[in-house]
Amino acid sequence: MKAYWIAHVDVTDSDKYREYTSLAPAAFAKYGGRILARGGETRALEGRDTPQRSVVIEFDSYTQAMACYHSEEYQRAKAYREGVAQAEVIIVEGV
């Protein structure tokens, strides 16, 4: 069953954030992640204010999505995001 990684991100230092965006896609690819949405026009209709960036990544399974997040490759990329962006990351199993 498919799973989806949903992230809402507010970037405070775009130059340093580029380090994260240069490394993270390799981790997604290694675990079969396919980016379905990244950036683009966004509007919050309920809940918190609209984040600067919204990202949706599809994985073939919940297990793969979780393995990607906890992988050495992704954690290395994530270290570059810390302190330069506020992120909410949710992994949800599809139906």
C-alpha atoms as a PDB file:
ATOM      1  CA  MET A   1       0.000   0.000   0.000  1.00  0.00           C
ATOM      2  CA  LYS A   2       1.360   3.421  -0.959  1.00  0.00           C
ATOM      3  CA  ALA A   3       2.447   5.970   1.626  1.00  0.00           C
ATOM      4  CA  TYR A   4       2.876   9.710   1.399  1.00  0.00           C
ATOM      5  CA  TRP A   5       5.418  11.993   2.980  1.00  0.00           C
ATOM      6  CA  ILE A   6       3.797  15.401   3.494  1.00  0.00           C
ATOM      7  CA  ALA A   7       5.950  18.333   4.540  1.00  0.00           C
ATOM      8  CA  HIS A   8       5.217  21.991   5.209  1.00  0.00           C
ATOM      9  CA  VAL A   9       8.329  24.135   5.362  1.00  0.00           C
ATOM     10  CA  ASP A  10       9.100  27.758   6.173  1.00  0.00           C
ATOM     11  CA  VAL A  11      12.653  28.673   5.147  1.00  0.00           C
ATOM     12  CA  THR A  12      14.557  31.340   7.067  1.00  0.00           C
ATOM     13  CA  ASP A  13      17.889  31.107   5.205  1.00  0.00           C
ATOM     14  CA  SER A  14      17.464  30.101   1.569  1.00  0.00           C
ATOM     15  CA  ASP A  15      21.213  29.969   0.851  1.00  0.00           C
ATOM     16  CA  LYS A  16      21.880  27.404   3.582  1.00  0.00           C
ATOM     17  CA  TYR A  17      18.635  25.550   2.786  1.00  0.00           C
ATOM     18  CA  ARG A  18      20.041  24.775  -0.678  1.00  0.00           C
ATOM     19  CA  GLU A  19      22.442  22.335   0.989  1.00  0.00           C
ATOM     20  CA  TYR A  20      19.421  20.357   2.200  1.00  0.00           C
ATOM     21  CA  THR A  21      17.691  20.475  -1.199  1.00  0.00           C
ATOM     22  CA  SER A  22      20.857  19.303  -2.933  1.00  0.00           C
ATOM     23  CA  LEU A  23      21.177  16.191  -0.725  1.00  0.00           C
ATOM     24  CA  ALA A  24      17.626  15.096   0.159  1.00  0.00           C
ATOM     25  CA  PRO A  25      16.488  13.976  -3.341  1.00  0.00           C
ATOM     26  CA  ALA A  26      19.133  11.226  -3.402  1.00  0.00           C
ATOM     27  CA  ALA A  27      17.658   9.753  -0.204  1.00  0.00           C
ATOM     28  CA  PHE A  28      14.139   9.923  -1.654  1.00  0.00           C
ATOM     29  CA  ALA A  29      15.285   8.173  -4.849  1.00  0.00           C
ATOM     30  CA  LYS A  30      17.152   5.443  -2.948  1.00  0.00           C
ATOM     31  CA  TYR A  31      13.907   4.487  -1.187  1.00  0.00           C
ATOM     32  CA  GLY A  32      11.718   4.773  -4.287  1.00  0.00           C
ATOM     33  CA  GLY A  33      10.230   8.162  -3.413  1.00  0.00           C
ATOM     34  CA  ARG A  34       8.556  10.120  -6.208  1.00  0.00           C
ATOM     35  CA  ILE A  35       8.046  13.837  -5.681  1.00  0.00           C
ATOM     36  CA  LEU A  36       4.433  14.670  -6.552  1.00  0.00           C
ATOM     37  CA  ALA A  37       4.391  18.292  -5.382  1.00  0.00           C
ATOM     38  CA  ARG A  38       7.147  20.656  -4.309  1.00  0.00           C
ATOM     39  CA  GLY A  39       6.686  24.370  -3.939  1.00  0.00           C
ATOM     40  CA  GLY A  40       4.211  25.894  -6.346  1.00  0.00           C
ATOM     41  CA  GLU A  41       1.153  27.908  -5.483  1.00  0.00           C
ATOM     42  CA  THR A  42      -0.324  27.033  -2.092  1.00  0.00           C
ATOM     43  CA  ARG A  43      -3.246  28.355  -0.073  1.00  0.00           C
ATOM     44  CA  ALA A  44      -4.222  27.250   3.435  1.00  0.00           C
ATOM     45  CA  LEU A  45      -8.003  27.036   3.668  1.00  0.00           C
ATOM     46  CA  GLU A  46      -8.140  25.825   7.270  1.00  0.00           C
ATOM     47  CA  GLY A  47      -5.658  25.587  10.112  1.00  0.00           C
ATOM     48  CA  ARG A  48      -2.331  27.340  10.234  1.00  0.00           C
ATOM     49  CA  ASP A  49      -1.115  30.010   7.855  1.00  0.00           C
ATOM     50  CA  THR A  50       0.071  28.919   4.434  1.00  0.00           C
ATOM     51  CA  PRO A  51       3.634  27.572   4.639  1.00  0.00           C
ATOM     52  CA  GLN A  52       6.252  28.842   2.191  1.00  0.00           C
ATOM     53  CA  ARG A  53       6.701  25.368   0.730  1.00  0.00           C
ATOM     54  CA  SER A  54       4.583  22.231   0.681  1.00  0.00           C
ATOM     55  CA  VAL A  55       5.983  18.907  -0.470  1.00  0.00           C
ATOM     56  CA  VAL A  56       4.283  15.564  -1.193  1.00  0.00           C
ATOM     57  CA  ILE A  57       6.393  12.481  -1.903  1.00  0.00           C
ATOM     58  CA  GLU A  58       4.882   9.094  -2.784  1.00  0.00           C
ATOM     59  CA  PHE A  59       6.499   5.834  -1.670  1.00  0.00           C
ATOM     60  CA  ASP A  60       5.470   2.284  -2.514  1.00  0.00           C
ATOM     61  CA  SER A  61       4.954   1.487   1.169  1.00  0.00           C
ATOM     62  CA  TYR A  62       4.810   3.002   4.631  1.00  0.00           C
ATOM     63  CA  THR A  63       7.886   0.947   5.518  1.00  0.00           C
ATOM     64  CA  GLN A  64       9.908   2.518   2.680  1.00  0.00           C
ATOM     65  CA  ALA A  65       8.789   6.035   3.628  1.00  0.00           C
ATOM     66  CA  MET A  66       9.800   5.504   7.251  1.00  0.00           C
ATOM     67  CA  ALA A  67      13.107   3.878   6.246  1.00  0.00           C
ATOM     68  CA  CYS A  68      13.883   6.880   4.055  1.00  0.00           C
ATOM     69  CA  TYR A  69      13.223   9.358   6.858  1.00  0.00           C
ATOM     70  CA  HIS A  70      15.408   7.437   9.308  1.00  0.00           C
ATOM     71  CA  SER A  71      18.147   6.657   6.769  1.00  0.00           C
ATOM     72  CA  GLU A  72      21.682   7.929   7.150  1.00  0.00           C
ATOM     73  CA  GLU A  73      21.326   9.745   3.817  1.00  0.00           C
ATOM     74  CA  TYR A  74      18.222  11.669   4.809  1.00  0.00           C
ATOM     75  CA  GLN A  75      19.434  12.445   8.322  1.00  0.00           C
ATOM     76  CA  ARG A  76      22.621  13.893   6.796  1.00  0.00           C
ATOM     77  CA  ALA A  77      20.504  16.150   4.543  1.00  0.00           C
ATOM     78  CA  LYS A  78      18.160  17.038   7.416  1.00  0.00           C
ATOM     79  CA  ALA A  79      21.096  18.303   9.471  1.00  0.00           C
ATOM     80  CA  TYR A  80      21.508  21.087   6.887  1.00  0.00           C
ATOM     81  CA  ARG A  81      17.840  22.037   7.243  1.00  0.00           C
ATOM     82  CA  GLU A  82      18.012  22.428  11.004  1.00  0.00           C
ATOM     83  CA  GLY A  83      18.269  26.039  12.069  1.00  0.00           C
ATOM     84  CA  VAL A  84      17.503  27.394   8.592  1.00  0.00           C
ATOM     85  CA  ALA A  85      13.929  26.132   8.165  1.00  0.00           C
ATOM     86  CA  GLN A  86      10.929  25.197  10.293  1.00  0.00           C
ATOM     87  CA  ALA A  87       9.469  21.930   8.991  1.00  0.00           C
ATOM     88  CA  GLU A  88       6.485  19.723   9.753  1.00  0.00           C
ATOM     89  CA  VAL A  89       6.862  16.234   8.275  1.00  0.00           C
ATOM     90  CA  ILE A  90       4.066  13.667   8.316  1.00  0.00           C
ATOM     91  CA  ILE A  91       4.070  10.194   6.794  1.00  0.00           C
ATOM     92  CA  VAL A  92       0.633   8.764   6.080  1.00  0.00           C
ATOM     93  CA  GLU A  93      -0.387   5.390   4.682  1.00  0.00           C
ATOM     94  CA  GLY A  94      -2.565   5.545   1.581  1.00  0.00           C
ATOM     95  CA  VAL A  95      -5.883   3.798   1.092  1.00  0.00           C
END
